């Protein structure tokens, strides 16, 4: 399954700033645009990895009373 995400990217002075529109908290800043895009991909991957255990826990706990 392939999901698409929107990277918002801006240059502010000497820095490139960016965030992923669909996932709050996924943001980065770097000196170059290629480094920024790599950082955003890394942070997004970490954020999505963190969601997997939460989803599994929610599924397992449905039958627990």
PDB file of N, CA and C in Angstrom:
ATOM      1  N   UNK A   1       0.850  -1.173   0.000  1.00  0.00           N
ATOM      2  CA  UNK A   1       0.000   0.000   0.000  1.00  0.00           C
ATOM      3  C   UNK A   1       0.899   1.240   0.000  1.00  0.00           C
ATOM      4  N   UNK A   2       0.622   2.148  -0.882  1.00  0.00           N
ATOM      5  CA  UNK A   2       1.397   3.374  -0.996  1.00  0.00           C
ATOM      6  C   UNK A   2       0.510   4.566  -0.636  1.00  0.00           C
ATOM      7  N   UNK A   3       0.974   5.367   0.307  1.00  0.00           N
ATOM      8  CA  UNK A   3       0.255   6.570   0.700  1.00  0.00           C
ATOM      9  C   UNK A   3       1.041   7.787   0.249  1.00  0.00           C
ATOM     10  N   UNK A   4       0.345   8.833  -0.099  1.00  0.00           N
ATOM     11  CA  UNK A   4       0.983  10.083  -0.494  1.00  0.00           C
ATOM     12  C   UNK A   4       0.761  11.132   0.588  1.00  0.00           C
ATOM     13  N   UNK A   5       1.798  11.901   0.865  1.00  0.00           N
ATOM     14  CA  UNK A   5       1.729  12.970   1.850  1.00  0.00           C
ATOM     15  C   UNK A   5       2.188  14.267   1.200  1.00  0.00           C
ATOM     16  N   UNK A   6       1.723  15.386   1.730  1.00  0.00           N
ATOM     17  CA  UNK A   6       2.042  16.694   1.173  1.00  0.00           C
ATOM     18  C   UNK A   6       3.104  17.381   2.024  1.00  0.00           C
ATOM     19  N   UNK A   7       4.251  17.667   1.425  1.00  0.00           N
ATOM     20  CA  UNK A   7       5.308  18.412   2.108  1.00  0.00           C
ATOM     21  C   UNK A   7       5.160  19.889   1.763  1.00  0.00           C
ATOM     22  N   UNK A   8       5.013  20.715   2.773  1.00  0.00           N
ATOM     23  CA  UNK A   8       4.996  22.161   2.601  1.00  0.00           C
ATOM     24  C   UNK A   8       6.436  22.627   2.858  1.00  0.00           C
ATOM     25  N   UNK A   9       7.026  23.316   1.887  1.00  0.00           N
ATOM     26  CA  UNK A   9       8.434  23.699   1.957  1.00  0.00           C
ATOM     27  C   UNK A   9       8.570  25.196   1.695  1.00  0.00           C
ATOM     28  N   UNK A  10       9.352  25.864   2.562  1.00  0.00           N
ATOM     29  CA  UNK A  10       9.591  27.305   2.413  1.00  0.00           C
ATOM     30  C   UNK A  10      11.055  27.603   2.689  1.00  0.00           C
ATOM     31  N   UNK A  11      11.561  28.621   2.032  1.00  0.00           N
ATOM     32  CA  UNK A  11      12.910  29.108   2.333  1.00  0.00           C
ATOM     33  C   UNK A  11      12.767  30.373   3.175  1.00  0.00           C
ATOM     34  N   UNK A  12      13.457  30.409   4.314  1.00  0.00           N
ATOM     35  CA  UNK A  12      13.415  31.557   5.214  1.00  0.00           C
ATOM     36  C   UNK A  12      14.856  31.963   5.529  1.00  0.00           C
ATOM     37  N   UNK A  13      15.320  32.981   4.853  1.00  0.00           N
ATOM     38  CA  UNK A  13      16.724  33.381   5.008  1.00  0.00           C
ATOM     39  C   UNK A  13      17.630  32.293   4.463  1.00  0.00           C
ATOM     40  N   UNK A  14      18.536  31.815   5.311  1.00  0.00           N
ATOM     41  CA  UNK A  14      19.464  30.753   4.912  1.00  0.00           C
ATOM     42  C   UNK A  14      18.917  29.354   5.156  1.00  0.00           C
ATOM     43  N   UNK A  15      17.726  29.245   5.714  1.00  0.00           N
ATOM     44  CA  UNK A  15      17.179  27.947   6.109  1.00  0.00           C
ATOM     45  C   UNK A  15      16.021  27.511   5.227  1.00  0.00           C
ATOM     46  N   UNK A  16      15.909  26.208   5.033  1.00  0.00           N
ATOM     47  CA  UNK A  16      14.740  25.598   4.409  1.00  0.00           C
ATOM     48  C   UNK A  16      13.893  25.006   5.531  1.00  0.00           C
ATOM     49  N   UNK A  17      12.611  25.338   5.546  1.00  0.00           N
ATOM     50  CA  UNK A  17      11.671  24.860   6.556  1.00  0.00           C
ATOM     51  C   UNK A  17      10.612  24.009   5.872  1.00  0.00           C
ATOM     52  N   UNK A  18      10.162  22.968   6.544  1.00  0.00           N
ATOM     53  CA  UNK A  18       9.128  22.149   5.943  1.00  0.00           C
ATOM     54  C   UNK A  18       8.360  21.346   6.964  1.00  0.00           C
ATOM     55  N   UNK A  19       7.154  20.935   6.563  1.00  0.00           N
ATOM     56  CA  UNK A  19       6.322  20.076   7.402  1.00  0.00           C
ATOM     57  C   UNK A  19       5.420  19.250   6.508  1.00  0.00           C
ATOM     58  N   UNK A  20       4.900  18.171   7.083  1.00  0.00           N
ATOM     59  CA  UNK A  20       3.970  17.305   6.369  1.00  0.00           C
ATOM     60  C   UNK A  20       2.563  17.724   6.781  1.00  0.00           C
ATOM     61  N   UNK A  21       1.794  18.141   5.813  1.00  0.00           N
ATOM     62  CA  UNK A  21       0.476  18.721   6.069  1.00  0.00           C
ATOM     63  C   UNK A  21      -0.461  17.758   6.805  1.00  0.00           C
ATOM     64  N   UNK A  22      -0.428  16.488   6.454  1.00  0.00           N
ATOM     65  CA  UNK A  22      -1.397  15.529   6.989  1.00  0.00           C
ATOM     66  C   UNK A  22      -1.027  14.950   8.349  1.00  0.00           C
ATOM     67  N   UNK A  23       0.204  15.170   8.819  1.00  0.00           N
ATOM     68  CA  UNK A  23       0.649  14.546  10.075  1.00  0.00           C
ATOM     69  C   UNK A  23       1.214  15.619  11.005  1.00  0.00           C
ATOM     70  N   UNK A  24       0.434  16.045  12.000  1.00  0.00           N
ATOM     71  CA  UNK A  24       0.906  17.071  12.931  1.00  0.00           C
ATOM     72  C   UNK A  24       2.206  16.644  13.619  1.00  0.00           C
ATOM     73  N   UNK A  25       3.117  17.585  13.772  1.00  0.00           N
ATOM     74  CA  UNK A  25       4.365  17.319  14.468  1.00  0.00           C
ATOM     75  C   UNK A  25       5.499  16.859  13.574  1.00  0.00           C
ATOM     76  N   UNK A  26       5.215  16.572  12.317  1.00  0.00           N
ATOM     77  CA  UNK A  26       6.278  16.162  11.389  1.00  0.00           C
ATOM     78  C   UNK A  26       6.791  17.423  10.698  1.00  0.00           C
ATOM     79  N   UNK A  27       7.948  17.910  11.164  1.00  0.00           N
ATOM     80  CA  UNK A  27       8.538  19.119  10.597  1.00  0.00           C
ATOM     81  C   UNK A  27      10.055  19.052  10.723  1.00  0.00           C
ATOM     82  N   UNK A  28      10.721  19.901   9.963  1.00  0.00           N
ATOM     83  CA  UNK A  28      12.185  19.925   9.988  1.00  0.00           C
ATOM     84  C   UNK A  28      12.686  21.244   9.427  1.00  0.00           C
ATOM     85  N   UNK A  29      13.964  21.518   9.667  1.00  0.00           N
ATOM     86  CA  UNK A  29      14.635  22.652   9.035  1.00  0.00           C
ATOM     87  C   UNK A  29      16.062  22.228   8.731  1.00  0.00           C
ATOM     88  N   UNK A  30      16.541  22.636   7.568  1.00  0.00           N
ATOM     89  CA  UNK A  30      17.886  22.281   7.122  1.00  0.00           C
ATOM     90  C   UNK A  30      18.455  23.430   6.283  1.00  0.00           C
ATOM     91  N   UNK A  31      19.730  23.382   6.023  1.00  0.00           N
ATOM     92  CA  UNK A  31      20.399  24.420   5.227  1.00  0.00           C
ATOM     93  C   UNK A  31      20.170  24.244   3.728  1.00  0.00           C
ATOM     94  N   UNK A  32      19.829  23.018   3.280  1.00  0.00           N
ATOM     95  CA  UNK A  32      19.584  22.786   1.856  1.00  0.00           C
ATOM     96  C   UNK A  32      18.247  22.080   1.672  1.00  0.00           C
ATOM     97  N   UNK A  33      17.655  22.282   0.516  1.00  0.00           N
ATOM     98  CA  UNK A  33      16.371  21.641   0.235  1.00  0.00           C
ATOM     99  C   UNK A  33      16.491  20.114   0.184  1.00  0.00           C
ATOM    100  N   UNK A  34      17.517  19.547  -0.451  1.00  0.00           N
ATOM    101  CA  UNK A  34      17.629  18.083  -0.443  1.00  0.00           C
ATOM    102  C   UNK A  34      17.751  17.497   0.969  1.00  0.00           C
ATOM    103  N   UNK A  35      18.515  18.170   1.840  1.00  0.00           N
ATOM    104  CA  UNK A  35      18.632  17.698   3.229  1.00  0.00           C
ATOM    105  C   UNK A  35      17.291  17.813   3.949  1.00  0.00           C
ATOM    106  N   UNK A  36      16.548  18.880   3.673  1.00  0.00           N
ATOM    107  CA  UNK A  36      15.231  19.049   4.284  1.00  0.00           C
ATOM    108  C   UNK A  36      14.303  17.913   3.878  1.00  0.00           C
ATOM    109  N   UNK A  37      14.270  17.588   2.590  1.00  0.00           N
ATOM    110  CA  UNK A  37      13.385  16.524   2.117  1.00  0.00           C
ATOM    111  C   UNK A  37      13.757  15.183   2.747  1.00  0.00           C
ATOM    112  N   UNK A  38      15.055  14.920   2.893  1.00  0.00           N
ATOM    113  CA  UNK A  38      15.503  13.680   3.534  1.00  0.00           C
ATOM    114  C   UNK A  38      15.077  13.657   5.002  1.00  0.00           C
ATOM    115  N   UNK A  39      15.226  14.787   5.695  1.00  0.00           N
ATOM    116  CA  UNK A  39      14.828  14.864   7.105  1.00  0.00           C
ATOM    117  C   UNK A  39      13.329  14.669   7.268  1.00  0.00           C
ATOM    118  N   UNK A  40      12.542  15.277   6.387  1.00  0.00           N
ATOM    119  CA  UNK A  40      11.090  15.115   6.461  1.00  0.00           C
ATOM    120  C   UNK A  40      10.697  13.654   6.268  1.00  0.00           C
ATOM    121  N   UNK A  41      11.341  12.974   5.330  1.00  0.00           N
ATOM    122  CA  UNK A  41      11.047  11.550   5.102  1.00  0.00           C
ATOM    123  C   UNK A  41      11.384  10.732   6.340  1.00  0.00           C
ATOM    124  N   UNK A  42      12.517  11.025   6.976  1.00  0.00           N
ATOM    125  CA  UNK A  42      12.917  10.300   8.183  1.00  0.00           C
ATOM    126  C   UNK A  42      11.938  10.531   9.334  1.00  0.00           C
ATOM    127  N   UNK A  43      11.583  11.797   9.548  1.00  0.00           N
ATOM    128  CA  UNK A  43      10.668  12.129  10.650  1.00  0.00           C
ATOM    129  C   UNK A  43       9.280  11.526  10.396  1.00  0.00           C
ATOM    130  N   UNK A  44       8.826  11.564   9.149  1.00  0.00           N
ATOM    131  CA  UNK A  44       7.537  10.958   8.807  1.00  0.00           C
ATOM    132  C   UNK A  44       7.567   9.460   9.057  1.00  0.00           C
ATOM    133  N   UNK A  45       8.640   8.792   8.657  1.00  0.00           N
ATOM    134  CA  UNK A  45       8.756   7.351   8.880  1.00  0.00           C
ATOM    135  C   UNK A  45       8.704   7.029  10.374  1.00  0.00           C
ATOM    136  N   UNK A  46       9.403   7.813  11.189  1.00  0.00           N
ATOM    137  CA  UNK A  46       9.371   7.603  12.638  1.00  0.00           C
ATOM    138  C   UNK A  46       7.977   7.819  13.205  1.00  0.00           C
ATOM    139  N   UNK A  47       7.292   8.848  12.737  1.00  0.00           N
ATOM    140  CA  UNK A  47       5.939   9.132  13.220  1.00  0.00           C
ATOM    141  C   UNK A  47       4.983   7.998  12.858  1.00  0.00           C
ATOM    142  N   UNK A  48       5.088   7.501  11.636  1.00  0.00           N
ATOM    143  CA  UNK A  48       4.199   6.422  11.201  1.00  0.00           C
ATOM    144  C   UNK A  48       4.528   5.116  11.906  1.00  0.00           C
ATOM    145  N   UNK A  49       5.817   4.849  12.176  1.00  0.00           N
ATOM    146  CA  UNK A  49       6.200   3.659  12.939  1.00  0.00           C
ATOM    147  C   UNK A  49       5.594   3.699  14.328  1.00  0.00           C
ATOM    148  N   UNK A  50       5.519   4.877  14.916  1.00  0.00           N
ATOM    149  CA  UNK A  50       4.946   5.027  16.248  1.00  0.00           C
ATOM    150  C   UNK A  50       3.460   4.745  16.283  1.00  0.00           C
ATOM    151  N   UNK A  51       2.774   4.868  15.159  1.00  0.00           N
ATOM    152  CA  UNK A  51       1.337   4.620  15.120  1.00  0.00           C
ATOM    153  C   UNK A  51       0.989   3.137  15.098  1.00  0.00           C
ATOM    154  N   UNK A  52       1.879   2.314  14.587  1.00  0.00           N
ATOM    155  CA  UNK A  52       1.586   0.886  14.441  1.00  0.00           C
ATOM    156  C   UNK A  52       1.290   0.225  15.785  1.00  0.00           C
ATOM    157  N   UNK A  53       2.126   0.393  16.821  1.00  0.00           N
ATOM    158  CA  UNK A  53       1.810  -0.236  18.107  1.00  0.00           C
ATOM    159  C   UNK A  53       0.496   0.268  18.706  1.00  0.00           C
ATOM    160  N   UNK A  54       0.181   1.544  18.493  1.00  0.00           N
ATOM    161  CA  UNK A  54      -1.076   2.086  19.018  1.00  0.00           C
ATOM    162  C   UNK A  54      -2.254   1.400  18.341  1.00  0.00           C
ATOM    163  N   UNK A  55      -2.189   1.210  17.044  1.00  0.00           N
ATOM    164  CA  UNK A  55      -3.263   0.531  16.322  1.00  0.00           C
ATOM    165  C   UNK A  55      -3.403  -0.907  16.798  1.00  0.00           C
ATOM    166  N   UNK A  56      -2.272  -1.608  16.982  1.00  0.00           N
ATOM    167  CA  UNK A  56      -2.320  -2.993  17.450  1.00  0.00           C
ATOM    168  C   UNK A  56      -2.916  -3.056  18.850  1.00  0.00           C
ATOM    169  N   UNK A  57      -2.508  -2.153  19.722  1.00  0.00           N
ATOM    170  CA  UNK A  57      -3.023  -2.129  21.082  1.00  0.00           C
ATOM    171  C   UNK A  57      -4.527  -1.892  21.086  1.00  0.00           C
ATOM    172  N   UNK A  58      -5.007  -0.977  20.259  1.00  0.00           N
ATOM    173  CA  UNK A  58      -6.439  -0.695  20.188  1.00  0.00           C
ATOM    174  C   UNK A  58      -7.194  -1.922  19.720  1.00  0.00           C
ATOM    175  N   UNK A  59      -6.639  -2.660  18.774  1.00  0.00           N
ATOM    176  CA  UNK A  59      -7.283  -3.855  18.260  1.00  0.00           C
ATOM    177  C   UNK A  59      -7.319  -4.947  19.326  1.00  0.00           C
ATOM    178  N   UNK A  60      -6.225  -5.152  20.033  1.00  0.00           N
ATOM    179  CA  UNK A  60      -6.145  -6.191  21.050  1.00  0.00           C
ATOM    180  C   UNK A  60      -7.034  -5.870  22.235  1.00  0.00           C
ATOM    181  N   UNK A  61      -7.116  -4.609  22.614  1.00  0.00           N
ATOM    182  CA  UNK A  61      -7.850  -4.249  23.831  1.00  0.00           C
ATOM    183  C   UNK A  61      -9.377  -4.214  23.634  1.00  0.00           C
ATOM    184  N   UNK A  62      -9.854  -4.372  22.412  1.00  0.00           N
ATOM    185  CA  UNK A  62     -11.306  -4.349  22.192  1.00  0.00           C
ATOM    186  C   UNK A  62     -12.010  -5.455  22.954  1.00  0.00           C
ATOM    187  N   UNK A  63     -11.378  -6.614  23.070  1.00  0.00           N
ATOM    188  CA  UNK A  63     -12.016  -7.739  23.755  1.00  0.00           C
ATOM    189  C   UNK A  63     -11.741  -7.805  25.238  1.00  0.00           C
ATOM    190  N   UNK A  64     -10.959  -6.868  25.764  1.00  0.00           N
ATOM    191  CA  UNK A  64     -10.595  -6.879  27.181  1.00  0.00           C
ATOM    192  C   UNK A  64     -11.628  -6.115  27.985  1.00  0.00           C
ATOM    193  N   UNK A  65     -12.042  -6.717  29.104  1.00  0.00           N
ATOM    194  CA  UNK A  65     -13.015  -6.043  29.983  1.00  0.00           C
ATOM    195  C   UNK A  65     -12.425  -5.787  31.337  1.00  0.00           C
TER     196      UNK A  65
END
